[in-house]
Amino acid sequence: MPLIRCPKCGQAYDVPGVVAVRLPNSIATCHCGEWIAGNKAALLARMLDPGKIKEVDLQGYRVDEQKSSPFEEISDEPEAMSAAEMVSRSVRIVARGVNESMSTVFTLGQHPLWIGRKGSHIELEEAELDIRHCSISLRNGEIVVRDADSHMGTFLDGERITEATLAEGVHLLRCGSALVSIEPTEEPGKAVEPIALADSDVFDDSVLRVLERKAREGGAGKRNMLVCVDGPLVGQEFEIPATGLIVGREGHVQVPDEFLSRKHFEVIADPDGTVRVRDLGSRNGTFLNTLPARNTKVQRGDEIRAGVNRFRIEQRA
């Protein structure tokens, strides 16, 4: 069986085949707090029926790659760390959100520092961030900033990045509507420890209320549908789930339109059933009728316009 490796810290796990086949429908977390298996669907299933989805404990399958064989027994005794493992560096983080701000020195070591809306070391709840938006970590002695496939992207010194290495000096990070300055420093700071996401962190409170109501009602009631009335997908309909629907060249609804961004806009229903449309930082904008759609309620008869496309919200029994 090939080794399963954490995408963030690189820790390898030698998981037996009988366990590996269950991972896609289970939840498994690395010792650094990063998900290795599991998604919103698995978490939702566990919330509605705790006995249905199990969390797989991977710690017994951790591989010490300094040993000659991954099958060699791993001792519980702490071992001396190599020089590379003992490297640490500090960064001064000054973050400004809509109504929140902070200034702290963090010391990076083995674990990534997370910036996001919940379940993160730096939490900016009103800055239009993803739950975990981006991370700052240490790799071979260098400080690396990495976008976590966020909806609105991560921008370092004005350039959109997937991953970038920091040079010395002060750098400006923009994520959502938050501005974060990052400066490598020699000052000792707060050690970055692993931080795990709780099930309740993965969903907004409003989404949780919708899911609970739907579970009680057995899924009864009308469904909100996104209907394309003009463009390449004209005539097609898409049900809007409780967790929202992203439209773009690579969204949940994939539209072959060069004027659309990769993730262009999102439609999501409030607990009372009202649908909102939100632009996701697209190049050409999203409009509700003729006005920009930032986080705007959609009324009956309204049209959502993006690129050459027009959409409406309709209800189905």
Protein backbone atom coordinates (compact mmCIF):
# COMPACT_ATOMS: atom_id res chain seq x y z
CA MET A 1 0.00 0.00 0.00
CA PRO A 2 1.54 3.43 -0.91
CA LEU A 3 2.21 5.82 1.92
CA ILE A 4 -0.43 8.48 2.59
CA ARG A 5 1.26 11.82 3.21
CA CYS A 6 -0.09 14.97 4.85
CA PRO A 7 -0.09 17.80 2.26
CA LYS A 8 0.90 20.41 4.88
CA CYS A 9 3.57 18.96 7.20
CA GLY A 10 4.62 15.97 5.06
CA GLN A 11 4.06 13.35 7.79
CA ALA A 12 3.64 9.91 6.20
CA TYR A 13 1.20 7.20 7.29
CA ASP A 14 1.46 3.55 6.26
CA VAL A 15 -2.25 2.72 6.28
CA PRO A 16 -3.29 -0.93 5.70
CA GLY A 17 -5.51 -1.54 2.70
CA VAL A 18 -8.48 -2.59 4.84
CA VAL A 19 -8.36 0.87 6.51
CA ALA A 20 -7.46 2.86 3.38
CA VAL A 21 -10.61 1.77 1.52
CA ARG A 22 -12.71 3.37 4.29
CA LEU A 23 -10.92 6.74 4.22
CA PRO A 24 -12.98 8.42 1.43
CA ASN A 25 -16.13 8.04 3.57
CA SER A 26 -14.45 8.60 6.94
CA ILE A 27 -12.71 11.43 8.74
CA ALA A 28 -8.97 11.32 9.43
CA THR A 29 -6.71 14.07 10.75
CA CYS A 30 -2.93 14.42 10.76
CA HIS A 31 -1.16 15.13 14.05
CA CYS A 32 -0.63 18.73 12.80
CA GLY A 33 -4.41 19.25 12.57
CA GLU A 34 -4.70 19.03 8.76
CA TRP A 35 -7.46 16.88 7.23
CA ILE A 36 -6.14 13.84 5.36
CA ALA A 37 -9.57 12.38 4.69
CA GLY A 38 -13.05 13.71 5.13
CA ASN A 39 -15.06 16.56 3.66
CA LYS A 40 -18.20 18.58 4.37
CA ALA A 41 -20.39 15.71 3.20
CA ALA A 42 -18.77 13.31 5.66
CA LEU A 43 -19.04 15.84 8.49
CA LEU A 44 -22.69 16.50 7.68
CA ALA A 45 -23.45 12.78 7.67
CA ARG A 46 -21.76 12.43 11.06
CA MET A 47 -23.73 15.37 12.49
CA LEU A 48 -27.06 13.90 11.35
CA ASP A 49 -26.15 10.33 12.32
CA PRO A 50 -23.06 10.11 14.59
CA GLY A 51 -22.87 6.35 14.22
CA LYS A 52 -22.68 6.49 10.44
CA ILE A 53 -19.30 8.21 9.95
CA LYS A 54 -16.30 7.15 12.02
CA GLU A 55 -13.09 9.05 12.69
CA VAL A 56 -10.03 6.97 11.81
CA ASP A 57 -7.15 7.26 14.26
CA LEU A 58 -4.00 7.41 12.11
CA GLN A 59 -1.47 7.84 14.90
CA GLY A 60 -0.70 4.14 15.06
CA TYR A 61 0.26 4.20 11.37
CA ARG A 62 2.74 7.11 11.56
CA VAL A 63 5.99 6.39 9.72
CA ASP A 64 9.33 7.54 11.10
CA GLU A 65 11.21 7.94 7.82
CA GLN A 66 14.55 7.96 9.62
CA LYS A 67 14.07 4.24 10.25
CA SER A 68 15.27 1.71 7.71
CA SER A 69 11.77 0.33 7.11
CA PRO A 70 8.30 1.85 7.40
CA PHE A 71 7.14 -1.45 8.89
CA GLU A 72 9.62 -1.25 11.77
CA GLU A 73 7.96 -0.70 15.11
CA ILE A 74 7.77 2.96 16.12
CA SER A 75 8.79 3.56 19.71
CA ASP A 76 6.73 5.76 21.99
CA GLU A 77 9.95 7.19 23.42
CA PRO A 78 10.85 10.69 22.14
CA GLU A 79 13.84 10.72 19.82
CA ALA A 80 16.46 13.37 19.33
CA MET A 81 15.40 15.84 16.65
CA SER A 82 17.61 16.44 13.65
CA ALA A 83 19.08 19.90 13.05
CA ALA A 84 16.56 20.50 10.24
CA GLU A 85 13.66 19.60 12.52
CA MET A 86 14.85 22.01 15.22
CA VAL A 87 14.88 25.06 12.91
CA SER A 88 12.38 27.74 13.89
CA ARG A 89 11.74 31.27 12.67
CA SER A 90 9.56 34.09 13.92
CA VAL A 91 7.24 36.42 12.04
CA ARG A 92 5.47 39.55 13.18
CA ILE A 93 1.84 39.50 12.05
CA VAL A 94 -0.27 42.67 12.01
CA ALA A 95 -3.80 41.88 10.80
CA ARG A 96 -6.65 44.29 10.16
CA GLY A 97 -10.16 43.08 9.40
CA VAL A 98 -13.45 45.00 9.25
CA ASN A 99 -13.87 45.35 13.02
CA GLU A 100 -10.91 43.33 14.28
CA SER A 101 -7.15 43.86 14.47
CA MET A 102 -4.18 42.17 16.09
CA SER A 103 -0.39 42.40 16.31
CA THR A 104 1.52 39.32 17.45
CA VAL A 105 4.89 37.66 16.95
CA PHE A 106 4.58 33.94 16.17
CA THR A 107 7.39 31.39 16.14
CA LEU A 108 7.01 28.91 13.29
CA GLY A 109 8.30 25.39 13.66
CA GLN A 110 6.74 22.08 12.72
CA HIS A 111 3.14 23.30 12.38
CA PRO A 112 1.51 25.78 9.96
CA LEU A 113 -0.03 29.03 11.18
CA TRP A 114 -3.59 29.33 9.86
CA ILE A 115 -5.45 32.52 8.91
CA GLY A 116 -9.20 32.19 8.47
CA ARG A 117 -12.67 32.72 9.81
CA LYS A 118 -12.78 29.86 12.34
CA GLY A 119 -10.52 27.12 13.66
CA SER A 120 -7.41 29.23 12.91
CA HIS A 121 -4.59 30.88 14.84
CA ILE A 122 -5.64 34.25 13.38
CA GLU A 123 -9.44 34.53 13.17
CA LEU A 124 -11.08 37.45 11.33
CA GLU A 125 -14.77 36.56 11.29
CA GLU A 126 -16.01 39.62 9.36
CA ALA A 127 -13.34 39.79 6.66
CA GLU A 128 -15.01 37.54 4.04
CA LEU A 129 -12.44 34.79 4.62
CA ASP A 130 -12.86 31.08 4.07
CA ILE A 131 -12.98 29.02 7.25
CA ARG A 132 -9.28 28.31 6.67
CA HIS A 133 -8.13 30.77 4.04
CA CYS A 134 -4.33 30.52 3.93
CA SER A 135 -1.35 29.36 5.95
CA ILE A 136 2.17 30.43 6.83
CA SER A 137 4.64 27.62 7.43
CA LEU A 138 8.33 26.79 7.59
CA ARG A 139 9.91 24.64 4.87
CA ASN A 140 13.65 23.94 4.82
CA GLY A 141 14.24 27.08 6.86
CA GLU A 142 12.19 29.30 4.52
CA ILE A 143 8.87 30.97 5.33
CA VAL A 144 6.17 29.89 2.89
CA VAL A 145 2.70 31.42 2.40
CA ARG A 146 0.12 29.07 0.87
CA ASP A 147 -3.44 29.70 -0.28
CA ALA A 148 -5.88 26.99 0.90
CA ASP A 149 -7.90 26.98 -2.35
CA SER A 150 -9.91 29.92 -1.02
CA HIS A 151 -12.91 31.37 -2.85
CA MET A 152 -11.54 34.91 -3.12
CA GLY A 153 -7.85 34.07 -3.34
CA THR A 154 -4.74 35.15 -1.46
CA PHE A 155 -2.62 38.07 -2.68
CA LEU A 156 0.99 38.68 -1.60
CA ASP A 157 2.45 42.12 -2.38
CA GLY A 158 -0.28 42.63 -5.00
CA GLU A 159 0.17 39.28 -6.79
CA ARG A 160 -2.31 36.42 -6.51
CA ILE A 161 -0.49 33.35 -5.23
CA THR A 162 -1.00 29.66 -4.74
CA GLU A 163 2.28 29.38 -2.85
CA ALA A 164 5.16 31.82 -2.34
CA THR A 165 8.38 32.05 -0.32
CA LEU A 166 8.94 35.18 1.76
CA ALA A 167 12.11 37.23 1.44
CA GLU A 168 13.31 39.50 4.25
CA GLY A 169 11.41 42.72 4.94
CA VAL A 170 7.74 43.58 5.37
CA HIS A 171 5.20 41.94 3.05
CA LEU A 172 1.51 42.75 2.58
CA LEU A 173 -0.95 39.88 2.41
CA ARG A 174 -4.54 40.48 1.28
CA CYS A 175 -7.11 37.76 1.94
CA GLY A 176 -10.79 38.55 1.66
CA SER A 177 -11.20 42.11 2.91
CA ALA A 178 -8.40 41.69 5.48
CA LEU A 179 -4.94 43.21 5.20
CA VAL A 180 -2.13 41.33 6.93
CA SER A 181 1.49 42.47 7.13
CA ILE A 182 4.13 39.77 7.61
CA GLU A 183 7.69 40.57 8.69
CA PRO A 184 10.36 37.96 9.50
CA THR A 185 11.97 38.89 12.82
CA GLU A 186 14.57 37.60 15.26
CA GLU A 187 12.26 38.19 18.24
CA PRO A 188 10.96 35.12 20.04
CA GLY A 189 7.21 34.78 19.78
CA LYS A 190 4.20 32.64 20.52
CA ALA A 191 4.90 29.07 19.42
CA VAL A 192 2.54 27.83 16.71
CA GLU A 193 0.80 24.68 17.92
CA PRO A 194 -1.53 22.42 15.89
CA ILE A 195 -5.13 23.54 15.89
CA ALA A 196 -7.98 21.20 14.95
CA LEU A 197 -11.26 22.12 13.28
CA ALA A 198 -14.41 21.15 15.16
CA ASP A 199 -17.44 20.01 13.18
CA SER A 200 -19.22 23.24 14.19
CA ASP A 201 -16.33 25.28 12.70
CA VAL A 202 -16.84 23.84 9.24
CA PHE A 203 -20.36 25.21 8.88
CA ASP A 204 -21.67 28.71 9.61
CA ASP A 205 -24.34 28.85 12.33
CA SER A 206 -26.96 29.78 9.75
CA VAL A 207 -26.06 26.73 7.66
CA LEU A 208 -26.23 24.49 10.72
CA ARG A 209 -29.73 25.76 11.49
CA VAL A 210 -30.82 25.01 7.93
CA LEU A 211 -29.36 21.50 8.11
CA GLU A 212 -31.01 20.80 11.45
CA ARG A 213 -34.38 22.06 10.18
CA LYS A 214 -34.13 19.94 7.04
CA ALA A 215 -33.22 16.89 9.13
CA ARG A 216 -36.29 17.43 11.34
CA GLU A 217 -38.56 17.97 8.37
CA GLY A 218 -37.19 15.01 6.48
CA GLY A 219 -36.23 17.22 3.54
CA ALA A 220 -39.80 18.44 2.98
CA GLY A 221 -40.52 21.83 1.42
CA LYS A 222 -39.66 23.67 -1.74
CA ARG A 223 -36.22 23.64 -3.31
CA ASN A 224 -34.39 26.72 -4.51
CA MET A 225 -33.10 26.32 -8.07
CA LEU A 226 -30.62 28.39 -10.06
CA VAL A 227 -31.94 28.54 -13.63
CA CYS A 228 -29.82 29.73 -16.57
CA VAL A 229 -31.97 31.88 -18.88
CA ASP A 230 -29.19 33.04 -21.21
CA GLY A 231 -25.67 31.84 -21.97
CA PRO A 232 -23.93 28.52 -22.74
CA LEU A 233 -26.03 26.64 -20.12
CA VAL A 234 -29.39 28.16 -21.12
CA GLY A 235 -32.30 26.03 -19.94
CA GLN A 236 -30.31 24.09 -17.33
CA GLU A 237 -31.35 24.11 -13.66
CA PHE A 238 -29.21 23.54 -10.56
CA GLU A 239 -30.49 22.91 -7.03
CA ILE A 240 -28.96 25.22 -4.40
CA PRO A 241 -27.80 23.08 -1.42
CA ALA A 242 -27.71 24.35 2.16
CA THR A 243 -23.95 24.93 1.86
CA GLY A 244 -24.35 27.13 -1.24
CA LEU A 245 -23.58 26.86 -4.93
CA ILE A 246 -20.49 28.36 -6.62
CA VAL A 247 -20.67 29.35 -10.28
CA GLY A 248 -17.60 29.89 -12.47
CA ARG A 249 -15.31 28.23 -14.94
CA GLU A 250 -14.36 25.70 -12.23
CA GLY A 251 -17.22 26.04 -9.69
CA HIS A 252 -19.99 23.63 -8.73
CA VAL A 253 -21.73 24.98 -11.84
CA GLN A 254 -19.04 25.05 -14.54
CA VAL A 255 -19.74 27.55 -17.31
CA PRO A 256 -17.55 27.67 -20.47
CA ASP A 257 -17.38 31.47 -20.55
CA GLU A 258 -14.02 33.25 -20.86
CA PHE A 259 -15.50 36.31 -19.14
CA LEU A 260 -16.08 34.35 -15.92
CA SER A 261 -13.46 33.90 -13.22
CA ARG A 262 -12.49 30.45 -11.95
CA LYS A 263 -14.90 30.91 -9.00
CA HIS A 264 -17.06 33.85 -10.00
CA PHE A 265 -20.09 34.09 -7.68
CA GLU A 266 -21.95 32.16 -5.00
CA VAL A 267 -25.66 31.75 -4.28
CA ILE A 268 -26.75 30.55 -0.84
CA ALA A 269 -30.05 30.41 1.05
CA ASP A 270 -30.60 32.10 4.43
CA PRO A 271 -32.37 30.09 7.19
CA ASP A 272 -35.66 31.76 6.22
CA GLY A 273 -35.28 30.57 2.62
CA THR A 274 -34.19 33.92 1.16
CA VAL A 275 -31.46 33.51 -1.44
CA ARG A 276 -28.41 35.77 -1.52
CA VAL A 277 -25.85 36.26 -4.29
CA ARG A 278 -22.23 37.17 -3.53
CA ASP A 279 -19.44 38.02 -5.95
CA LEU A 280 -16.23 36.10 -5.14
CA GLY A 281 -13.73 38.75 -6.22
CA SER A 282 -14.25 38.12 -9.94
CA ARG A 283 -12.47 40.12 -12.63
CA ASN A 284 -15.61 41.32 -14.42
CA GLY A 285 -18.06 41.49 -11.54
CA THR A 286 -21.44 39.98 -10.73
CA PHE A 287 -24.62 42.04 -11.05
CA LEU A 288 -28.12 41.68 -9.67
CA ASN A 289 -30.14 43.39 -12.40
CA THR A 290 -27.88 46.44 -12.96
CA LEU A 291 -26.23 46.80 -9.53
CA PRO A 292 -23.09 45.03 -8.23
CA ALA A 293 -23.92 41.96 -6.12
CA ARG A 294 -21.80 41.82 -2.97
CA ASN A 295 -24.03 39.96 -0.53
CA THR A 296 -27.42 40.86 -1.93
CA LYS A 297 -30.87 39.33 -1.46
CA VAL A 298 -32.46 38.03 -4.66
CA GLN A 299 -36.12 38.98 -5.07
CA ARG A 300 -38.66 37.37 -7.38
CA GLY A 301 -38.03 38.47 -10.98
CA ASP A 302 -34.42 39.54 -10.34
CA GLU A 303 -31.70 38.46 -12.78
CA ILE A 304 -28.14 37.56 -11.85
CA ARG A 305 -25.74 38.64 -14.58
CA ALA A 306 -22.15 37.40 -14.94
CA GLY A 307 -20.17 37.46 -18.17
CA VAL A 308 -22.57 36.61 -21.01
CA ASN A 309 -24.84 34.67 -18.65
CA ARG A 310 -28.17 35.48 -17.00
CA PHE A 311 -29.66 33.43 -14.15
CA ARG A 312 -32.84 33.47 -12.10
CA ILE A 313 -33.82 31.88 -8.80
CA GLU A 314 -36.94 29.72 -8.97
CA GLN A 315 -38.57 27.31 -6.54
CA ARG A 316 -39.57 23.72 -7.20
CA ALA A 317 -41.75 21.45 -5.12
